Amino acid sequence: YTSRRTVVTSIIHPSYDTKTQNNDVALL
């Protein structure tokens, strides 16, 4: 069983810091 799904919503943590990678979490 293998399935491919597209994504309708991407939620990145609002406090994600690109320099320190603090709060490096997201939901799809």
PDB file of all heavy atoms in Angstrom:
ATOM      1  N   TYR A   1       0.843  -1.191   0.000  1.00  0.00           N
ATOM      2  CA  TYR A   1       0.000   0.000   0.000  1.00  0.00           C
ATOM      3  C   TYR A   1       0.879   1.242   0.000  1.00  0.00           C
ATOM      4  O   TYR A   1       1.701   1.440   0.889  1.00  0.00           O
ATOM      5  CB  TYR A   1      -0.901   0.024   1.241  1.00  0.00           C
ATOM      6  CG  TYR A   1      -1.751   1.280   1.328  1.00  0.00           C
ATOM      7  CD1 TYR A   1      -2.997   1.326   0.728  1.00  0.00           C
ATOM      8  CD2 TYR A   1      -1.286   2.412   1.991  1.00  0.00           C
ATOM      9  CE1 TYR A   1      -3.776   2.470   0.783  1.00  0.00           C
ATOM     10  CE2 TYR A   1      -2.053   3.569   2.048  1.00  0.00           C
ATOM     11  CZ  TYR A   1      -3.298   3.590   1.448  1.00  0.00           C
ATOM     12  OH  TYR A   1      -4.056   4.722   1.498  1.00  0.00           O
ATOM     13  N   THR A   2       0.727   2.073  -1.007  1.00  0.00           N
ATOM     14  CA  THR A   2       1.416   3.362  -1.079  1.00  0.00           C
ATOM     15  C   THR A   2       0.425   4.386  -1.610  1.00  0.00           C
ATOM     16  O   THR A   2      -0.325   4.100  -2.545  1.00  0.00           O
ATOM     17  CB  THR A   2       2.645   3.304  -2.007  1.00  0.00           C
ATOM     18  OG1 THR A   2       3.531   2.295  -1.548  1.00  0.00           O
ATOM     19  CG2 THR A   2       3.375   4.638  -2.013  1.00  0.00           C
ATOM     20  N   SER A   3       0.417   5.572  -1.013  1.00  0.00           N
ATOM     21  CA  SER A   3      -0.529   6.597  -1.426  1.00  0.00           C
ATOM     22  C   SER A   3       0.157   7.957  -1.435  1.00  0.00           C
ATOM     23  O   SER A   3       1.012   8.235  -0.593  1.00  0.00           O
ATOM     24  CB  SER A   3      -1.727   6.623  -0.469  1.00  0.00           C
ATOM     25  OG  SER A   3      -2.638   7.654  -0.807  1.00  0.00           O
ATOM     26  N   ARG A   4      -0.209   8.790  -2.384  1.00  0.00           N
ATOM     27  CA  ARG A   4       0.331  10.145  -2.494  1.00  0.00           C
ATOM     28  C   ARG A   4      -0.795  11.137  -2.250  1.00  0.00           C
ATOM     29  O   ARG A   4      -1.859  11.051  -2.878  1.00  0.00           O
ATOM     30  CB  ARG A   4       0.957  10.364  -3.864  1.00  0.00           C
ATOM     31  CG  ARG A   4       2.110   9.422  -4.142  1.00  0.00           C
ATOM     32  CD  ARG A   4       2.519   9.447  -5.615  1.00  0.00           C
ATOM     33  NE  ARG A   4       3.238  10.656  -5.973  1.00  0.00           N
ATOM     34  CZ  ARG A   4       4.562  10.788  -5.876  1.00  0.00           C
ATOM     35  NH1 ARG A   4       5.297   9.791  -5.420  1.00  0.00           N
ATOM     36  NH2 ARG A   4       5.152  11.918  -6.234  1.00  0.00           N
ATOM     37  N   ARG A   5      -0.570  12.082  -1.333  1.00  0.00           N
ATOM     38  CA  ARG A   5      -1.586  13.075  -1.006  1.00  0.00           C
ATOM     39  C   ARG A   5      -1.017  14.481  -1.166  1.00  0.00           C
ATOM     40  O   ARG A   5       0.143  14.730  -0.831  1.00  0.00           O
ATOM     41  CB  ARG A   5      -2.074  12.919   0.445  1.00  0.00           C
ATOM     42  CG  ARG A   5      -2.570  11.524   0.817  1.00  0.00           C
ATOM     43  CD  ARG A   5      -3.861  11.185   0.145  1.00  0.00           C
ATOM     44  NE  ARG A   5      -4.258   9.818   0.400  1.00  0.00           N
ATOM     45  CZ  ARG A   5      -5.050   9.418   1.399  1.00  0.00           C
ATOM     46  NH1 ARG A   5      -5.541  10.325   2.241  1.00  0.00           N
ATOM     47  NH2 ARG A   5      -5.357   8.151   1.546  1.00  0.00           N
ATOM     48  N   THR A   6      -1.844  15.380  -1.665  1.00  0.00           N
ATOM     49  CA  THR A   6      -1.455  16.783  -1.699  1.00  0.00           C
ATOM     50  C   THR A   6      -1.786  17.423  -0.351  1.00  0.00           C
ATOM     51  O   THR A   6      -2.456  16.825   0.489  1.00  0.00           O
ATOM     52  CB  THR A   6      -2.177  17.530  -2.835  1.00  0.00           C
ATOM     53  OG1 THR A   6      -3.594  17.321  -2.694  1.00  0.00           O
ATOM     54  CG2 THR A   6      -1.723  17.013  -4.186  1.00  0.00           C
ATOM     55  N   VAL A   7      -1.311  18.638  -0.167  1.00  0.00           N
ATOM     56  CA  VAL A   7      -1.477  19.346   1.102  1.00  0.00           C
ATOM     57  C   VAL A   7      -2.319  20.593   0.877  1.00  0.00           C
ATOM     58  O   VAL A   7      -2.135  21.313  -0.109  1.00  0.00           O
ATOM     59  CB  VAL A   7      -0.092  19.727   1.679  1.00  0.00           C
ATOM     60  CG1 VAL A   7      -0.235  20.611   2.918  1.00  0.00           C
ATOM     61  CG2 VAL A   7       0.703  18.466   2.015  1.00  0.00           C
ATOM     62  N   VAL A   8      -3.246  20.852   1.793  1.00  0.00           N
ATOM     63  CA  VAL A   8      -4.104  22.035   1.654  1.00  0.00           C
ATOM     64  C   VAL A   8      -3.740  23.120   2.658  1.00  0.00           C
ATOM     65  O   VAL A   8      -4.051  24.295   2.445  1.00  0.00           O
ATOM     66  CB  VAL A   8      -5.596  21.661   1.809  1.00  0.00           C
ATOM     67  CG1 VAL A   8      -6.045  20.785   0.649  1.00  0.00           C
ATOM     68  CG2 VAL A   8      -5.864  20.964   3.144  1.00  0.00           C
ATOM     69  N   THR A   9      -3.102  22.742   3.756  1.00  0.00           N
ATOM     70  CA  THR A   9      -2.742  23.721   4.780  1.00  0.00           C
ATOM     71  C   THR A   9      -1.372  23.400   5.354  1.00  0.00           C
ATOM     72  O   THR A   9      -1.071  22.240   5.651  1.00  0.00           O
ATOM     73  CB  THR A   9      -3.763  23.736   5.941  1.00  0.00           C
ATOM     74  OG1 THR A   9      -5.077  23.916   5.425  1.00  0.00           O
ATOM     75  CG2 THR A   9      -3.453  24.850   6.923  1.00  0.00           C
ATOM     76  N   SER A  10      -0.543  24.421   5.491  1.00  0.00           N
ATOM     77  CA  SER A  10       0.764  24.277   6.132  1.00  0.00           C
ATOM     78  C   SER A  10       0.830  25.279   7.284  1.00  0.00           C
ATOM     79  O   SER A  10       0.679  26.477   7.070  1.00  0.00           O
ATOM     80  CB  SER A  10       1.886  24.551   5.124  1.00  0.00           C
ATOM     81  OG  SER A  10       3.147  24.531   5.770  1.00  0.00           O
ATOM     82  N   ILE A  11       1.038  24.760   8.497  1.00  0.00           N
ATOM     83  CA  ILE A  11       1.084  25.623   9.677  1.00  0.00           C
ATOM     84  C   ILE A  11       2.478  25.535  10.297  1.00  0.00           C
ATOM     85  O   ILE A  11       2.862  24.500  10.848  1.00  0.00           O
ATOM     86  CB  ILE A  11       0.026  25.229  10.716  1.00  0.00           C
ATOM     87  CG1 ILE A  11      -1.378  25.241  10.106  1.00  0.00           C
ATOM     88  CG2 ILE A  11       0.099  26.174  11.916  1.00  0.00           C
ATOM     89  CD1 ILE A  11      -2.464  24.770  11.058  1.00  0.00           C
ATOM     90  N   ILE A  12       3.231  26.601  10.189  1.00  0.00           N
ATOM     91  CA  ILE A  12       4.549  26.678  10.804  1.00  0.00           C
ATOM     92  C   ILE A  12       4.405  27.350  12.168  1.00  0.00           C
ATOM     93  O   ILE A  12       3.642  28.310  12.313  1.00  0.00           O
ATOM     94  CB  ILE A  12       5.511  27.483   9.909  1.00  0.00           C
ATOM     95  CG1 ILE A  12       5.757  26.727   8.601  1.00  0.00           C
ATOM     96  CG2 ILE A  12       6.833  27.764  10.619  1.00  0.00           C
ATOM     97  CD1 ILE A  12       6.584  27.503   7.590  1.00  0.00           C
ATOM     98  N   HIS A  13       5.121  26.840  13.157  1.00  0.00           N
ATOM     99  CA  HIS A  13       5.013  27.446  14.484  1.00  0.00           C
ATOM    100  C   HIS A  13       5.334  28.935  14.396  1.00  0.00           C
ATOM    101  O   HIS A  13       6.339  29.335  13.784  1.00  0.00           O
ATOM    102  CB  HIS A  13       5.968  26.762  15.465  1.00  0.00           C
ATOM    103  CG  HIS A  13       5.656  27.078  16.891  1.00  0.00           C
ATOM    104  ND1 HIS A  13       6.063  28.244  17.496  1.00  0.00           N
ATOM    105  CD2 HIS A  13       4.957  26.395  17.824  1.00  0.00           C
ATOM    106  CE1 HIS A  13       5.633  28.261  18.743  1.00  0.00           C
ATOM    107  NE2 HIS A  13       4.963  27.146  18.974  1.00  0.00           N
ATOM    108  N   PRO A  14       4.495  29.782  14.986  1.00  0.00           N
ATOM    109  CA  PRO A  14       4.676  31.230  14.841  1.00  0.00           C
ATOM    110  C   PRO A  14       5.988  31.753  15.435  1.00  0.00           C
ATOM    111  O   PRO A  14       6.446  32.844  15.048  1.00  0.00           O
ATOM    112  CB  PRO A  14       3.468  31.813  15.577  1.00  0.00           C
ATOM    113  CG  PRO A  14       3.021  30.723  16.513  1.00  0.00           C
ATOM    114  CD  PRO A  14       3.303  29.463  15.793  1.00  0.00           C
ATOM    115  N   SER A  15       6.603  31.004  16.339  1.00  0.00           N
ATOM    116  CA  SER A  15       7.853  31.455  16.956  1.00  0.00           C
ATOM    117  C   SER A  15       9.083  30.758  16.374  1.00  0.00           C
ATOM    118  O   SER A  15      10.163  30.803  16.978  1.00  0.00           O
ATOM    119  CB  SER A  15       7.794  31.227  18.477  1.00  0.00           C
ATOM    120  OG  SER A  15       6.758  31.973  19.061  1.00  0.00           O
ATOM    121  N   TYR A  16       8.922  30.134  15.230  1.00  0.00           N
ATOM    122  CA  TYR A  16      10.060  29.477  14.596  1.00  0.00           C
ATOM    123  C   TYR A  16      11.136  30.503  14.238  1.00  0.00           C
ATOM    124  O   TYR A  16      10.858  31.531  13.623  1.00  0.00           O
ATOM    125  CB  TYR A  16       9.608  28.739  13.342  1.00  0.00           C
ATOM    126  CG  TYR A  16      10.740  28.230  12.481  1.00  0.00           C
ATOM    127  CD1 TYR A  16      11.725  27.398  13.010  1.00  0.00           C
ATOM    128  CD2 TYR A  16      10.830  28.577  11.128  1.00  0.00           C
ATOM    129  CE1 TYR A  16      12.775  26.939  12.229  1.00  0.00           C
ATOM    130  CE2 TYR A  16      11.862  28.120  10.339  1.00  0.00           C
ATOM    131  CZ  TYR A  16      12.833  27.299  10.894  1.00  0.00           C
ATOM    132  OH  TYR A  16      13.877  26.844  10.111  1.00  0.00           O
ATOM    133  N   ASP A  17      12.372  30.215  14.635  1.00  0.00           N
ATOM    134  CA  ASP A  17      13.501  31.103  14.389  1.00  0.00           C
ATOM    135  C   ASP A  17      14.429  30.446  13.361  1.00  0.00           C
ATOM    136  O   ASP A  17      15.024  29.407  13.632  1.00  0.00           O
ATOM    137  CB  ASP A  17      14.258  31.361  15.694  1.00  0.00           C
ATOM    138  CG  ASP A  17      15.300  32.461  15.575  1.00  0.00           C
ATOM    139  OD1 ASP A  17      16.008  32.509  14.544  1.00  0.00           O
ATOM    140  OD2 ASP A  17      15.437  33.264  16.518  1.00  0.00           O
ATOM    141  N   THR A  18      14.548  31.050  12.201  1.00  0.00           N
ATOM    142  CA  THR A  18      15.342  30.447  11.127  1.00  0.00           C
ATOM    143  C   THR A  18      16.837  30.433  11.433  1.00  0.00           C
ATOM    144  O   THR A  18      17.584  29.637  10.866  1.00  0.00           O
ATOM    145  CB  THR A  18      15.122  31.206   9.804  1.00  0.00           C
ATOM    146  OG1 THR A  18      15.476  32.590   9.982  1.00  0.00           O
ATOM    147  CG2 THR A  18      13.667  31.112   9.367  1.00  0.00           C
ATOM    148  N   LYS A  19      17.292  31.308  12.332  1.00  0.00           N
ATOM    149  CA  LYS A  19      18.715  31.370  12.649  1.00  0.00           C
ATOM    150  C   LYS A  19      19.115  30.345  13.696  1.00  0.00           C
ATOM    151  O   LYS A  19      20.171  29.708  13.593  1.00  0.00           O
ATOM    152  CB  LYS A  19      19.081  32.771  13.130  1.00  0.00           C
ATOM    153  CG  LYS A  19      18.940  33.843  12.056  1.00  0.00           C
ATOM    154  CD  LYS A  19      19.343  35.208  12.595  1.00  0.00           C
ATOM    155  CE  LYS A  19      19.221  36.274  11.511  1.00  0.00           C
ATOM    156  NZ  LYS A  19      19.606  37.629  12.034  1.00  0.00           N
ATOM    157  N   THR A  20      18.273  30.154  14.702  1.00  0.00           N
ATOM    158  CA  THR A  20      18.605  29.243  15.800  1.00  0.00           C
ATOM    159  C   THR A  20      17.913  27.896  15.689  1.00  0.00           C
ATOM    160  O   THR A  20      18.238  26.961  16.422  1.00  0.00           O
ATOM    161  CB  THR A  20      18.223  29.873  17.140  1.00  0.00           C
ATOM    162  OG1 THR A  20      16.789  30.028  17.198  1.00  0.00           O
ATOM    163  CG2 THR A  20      18.892  31.235  17.318  1.00  0.00           C
ATOM    164  N   GLN A  21      16.918  27.800  14.802  1.00  0.00           N
ATOM    165  CA  GLN A  21      16.081  26.607  14.631  1.00  0.00           C
ATOM    166  C   GLN A  21      15.254  26.294  15.875  1.00  0.00           C
ATOM    167  O   GLN A  21      14.782  25.169  16.064  1.00  0.00           O
ATOM    168  CB  GLN A  21      16.934  25.376  14.252  1.00  0.00           C
ATOM    169  CG  GLN A  21      17.648  25.512  12.926  1.00  0.00           C
ATOM    170  CD  GLN A  21      16.698  25.801  11.771  1.00  0.00           C
ATOM    171  OE1 GLN A  21      15.681  25.135  11.612  1.00  0.00           O
ATOM    172  NE2 GLN A  21      17.024  26.802  10.976  1.00  0.00           N
ATOM    173  N   ASN A  22      15.058  27.294  16.725  1.00  0.00           N
ATOM    174  CA  ASN A  22      14.161  27.111  17.857  1.00  0.00           C
ATOM    175  C   ASN A  22      12.721  27.040  17.344  1.00  0.00           C
ATOM    176  O   ASN A  22      12.353  27.749  16.414  1.00  0.00           O
ATOM    177  CB  ASN A  22      14.314  28.280  18.827  1.00  0.00           C
ATOM    178  CG  ASN A  22      13.714  27.992  20.197  1.00  0.00           C
ATOM    179  OD1 ASN A  22      13.651  26.839  20.629  1.00  0.00           O
ATOM    180  ND2 ASN A  22      13.280  29.029  20.881  1.00  0.00           N
ATOM    181  N   ASN A  23      11.916  26.160  17.941  1.00  0.00           N
ATOM    182  CA  ASN A  23      10.522  25.948  17.526  1.00  0.00           C
ATOM    183  C   ASN A  23      10.427  25.436  16.090  1.00  0.00           C
ATOM    184  O   ASN A  23       9.553  25.853  15.314  1.00  0.00           O
ATOM    185  CB  ASN A  23       9.697  27.231  17.678  1.00  0.00           C
ATOM    186  CG  ASN A  23       9.649  27.732  19.102  1.00  0.00           C
ATOM    187  OD1 ASN A  23       9.184  27.028  20.004  1.00  0.00           O
ATOM    188  ND2 ASN A  23      10.174  28.930  19.326  1.00  0.00           N
ATOM    189  N   ASP A  24      11.320  24.531  15.732  1.00  0.00           N
ATOM    190  CA  ASP A  24      11.359  23.978  14.372  1.00  0.00           C
ATOM    191  C   ASP A  24      10.321  22.868  14.224  1.00  0.00           C
ATOM    192  O   ASP A  24      10.634  21.681  14.228  1.00  0.00           O
ATOM    193  CB  ASP A  24      12.763  23.439  14.087  1.00  0.00           C
ATOM    194  CG  ASP A  24      12.955  23.016  12.635  1.00  0.00           C
ATOM    195  OD1 ASP A  24      12.111  23.395  11.799  1.00  0.00           O
ATOM    196  OD2 ASP A  24      13.944  22.315  12.355  1.00  0.00           O
ATOM    197  N   VAL A  25       9.073  23.271  14.088  1.00  0.00           N
ATOM    198  CA  VAL A  25       7.973  22.306  14.005  1.00  0.00           C
ATOM    199  C   VAL A  25       6.870  22.881  13.127  1.00  0.00           C
ATOM    200  O   VAL A  25       6.645  24.096  13.085  1.00  0.00           O
ATOM    201  CB  VAL A  25       7.438  21.966  15.420  1.00  0.00           C
ATOM    202  CG1 VAL A  25       6.868  23.204  16.111  1.00  0.00           C
ATOM    203  CG2 VAL A  25       6.420  20.848  15.383  1.00  0.00           C
ATOM    204  N   ALA A  26       6.200  21.996  12.392  1.00  0.00           N
ATOM    205  CA  ALA A  26       5.119  22.423  11.501  1.00  0.00           C
ATOM    206  C   ALA A  26       4.103  21.301  11.352  1.00  0.00           C
ATOM    207  O   ALA A  26       4.397  20.121  11.620  1.00  0.00           O
ATOM    208  CB  ALA A  26       5.677  22.810  10.125  1.00  0.00           C
ATOM    209  N   LEU A  27       2.918  21.668  10.909  1.00  0.00           N
ATOM    210  CA  LEU A  27       1.834  20.711  10.664  1.00  0.00           C
ATOM    211  C   LEU A  27       1.359  20.862   9.225  1.00  0.00           C
ATOM    212  O   LEU A  27       1.241  21.978   8.718  1.00  0.00           O
ATOM    213  CB  LEU A  27       0.666  20.969  11.617  1.00  0.00           C
ATOM    214  CG  LEU A  27       0.909  20.682  13.096  1.00  0.00           C
ATOM    215  CD1 LEU A  27      -0.186  21.319  13.941  1.00  0.00           C
ATOM    216  CD2 LEU A  27       0.975  19.178  13.335  1.00  0.00           C
ATOM    217  N   LEU A  28       1.079  19.734   8.575  1.00  0.00           N
ATOM    218  CA  LEU A  28       0.550  19.730   7.218  1.00  0.00           C
ATOM    219  C   LEU A  28      -0.801  19.032   7.210  1.00  0.00           C
ATOM    220  O   LEU A  28      -0.934  17.912   7.713  1.00  0.00           O
ATOM    221  CB  LEU A  28       1.508  18.991   6.272  1.00  0.00           C
ATOM    222  CG  LEU A  28       2.923  19.554   6.135  1.00  0.00           C
ATOM    223  CD1 LEU A  28       3.751  18.651   5.234  1.00  0.00           C
ATOM    224  CD2 LEU A  28       2.900  20.981   5.609  1.00  0.00           C
TER     225      LEU A  28
END
